[in-house]
C-alpha cells in the first residue's frame, strides 16, 4: 500500500515537473517570436524610411 502511494506521488511529481518545463518552454518560444516580430517591424520601418 505504501509503495503504491509513493509510486503515485512520484508519478504526480514527474507530471508536475513536465508541465512546468513545458509551460516554461512555451513562454520562452512566445517571447522569442515576439522579439523577432518587433525586430523585423523595426527593420522594415528603417528600410522604408531610407528609401524615401
Protein backbone atom coordinates (compact mmCIF):
# COMPACT_ATOMS: atom_id res chain seq x y z
CA UNK A 1 0.00 0.00 0.00
CA UNK A 2 2.75 2.45 0.95
CA UNK A 3 4.64 1.53 -2.21
CA UNK A 4 1.58 2.41 -4.32
CA UNK A 5 1.26 5.77 -2.60
CA UNK A 6 4.94 6.52 -3.16
CA UNK A 7 4.69 5.47 -6.79
CA UNK A 8 1.61 7.64 -7.30
CA UNK A 9 3.34 10.56 -5.64
CA UNK A 10 6.39 10.04 -7.85
CA UNK A 11 4.24 9.96 -10.99
CA UNK A 12 2.46 13.15 -9.91
CA UNK A 13 5.79 14.85 -9.23
CA UNK A 14 7.06 13.92 -12.68
CA UNK A 15 3.81 15.10 -14.27
CA UNK A 16 4.06 18.43 -12.44
CA UNK A 17 7.70 18.79 -13.45
CA UNK A 18 6.94 18.06 -17.11
CA UNK A 19 4.05 20.54 -17.02
CA UNK A 20 6.21 23.29 -15.51
CA UNK A 21 9.00 22.70 -18.03
CA UNK A 22 6.54 22.65 -20.94
CA UNK A 23 4.94 25.92 -19.85
CA UNK A 24 8.38 27.48 -19.44
CA UNK A 25 9.49 26.39 -22.90
CA UNK A 26 6.24 27.63 -24.41
CA UNK A 27 6.66 31.02 -22.75
CA UNK A 28 10.26 31.22 -23.96
CA UNK A 29 9.25 30.44 -27.56
CA UNK A 30 6.47 33.04 -27.40
CA UNK A 31 8.91 35.64 -26.02
CA UNK A 32 11.45 34.90 -28.76
CA UNK A 33 8.84 35.05 -31.54
CA UNK A 34 7.53 38.34 -30.21
CA UNK A 35 11.04 39.78 -30.09
CA UNK A 36 11.74 38.70 -33.66
CA UNK A 37 8.47 40.22 -34.87
CA UNK A 38 9.34 43.55 -33.27
CA UNK A 39 12.85 43.45 -34.74
CA UNK A 40 11.50 42.69 -38.23
CA UNK A 41 8.97 45.51 -37.92
CA UNK A 42 11.73 47.95 -36.94
CA UNK A 43 13.92 46.80 -39.83
CA UNK A 44 11.03 47.27 -42.26
CA UNK A 45 10.43 50.77 -40.93
CA UNK A 46 14.12 51.63 -41.29
CA UNK A 47 14.22 50.29 -44.84
CA UNK A 48 11.06 52.17 -45.80
CA UNK A 49 12.34 55.41 -44.26
CA UNK A 50 15.70 55.02 -46.01
CA UNK A 51 14.19 54.51 -49.45
CA UNK A 52 12.35 57.86 -49.42
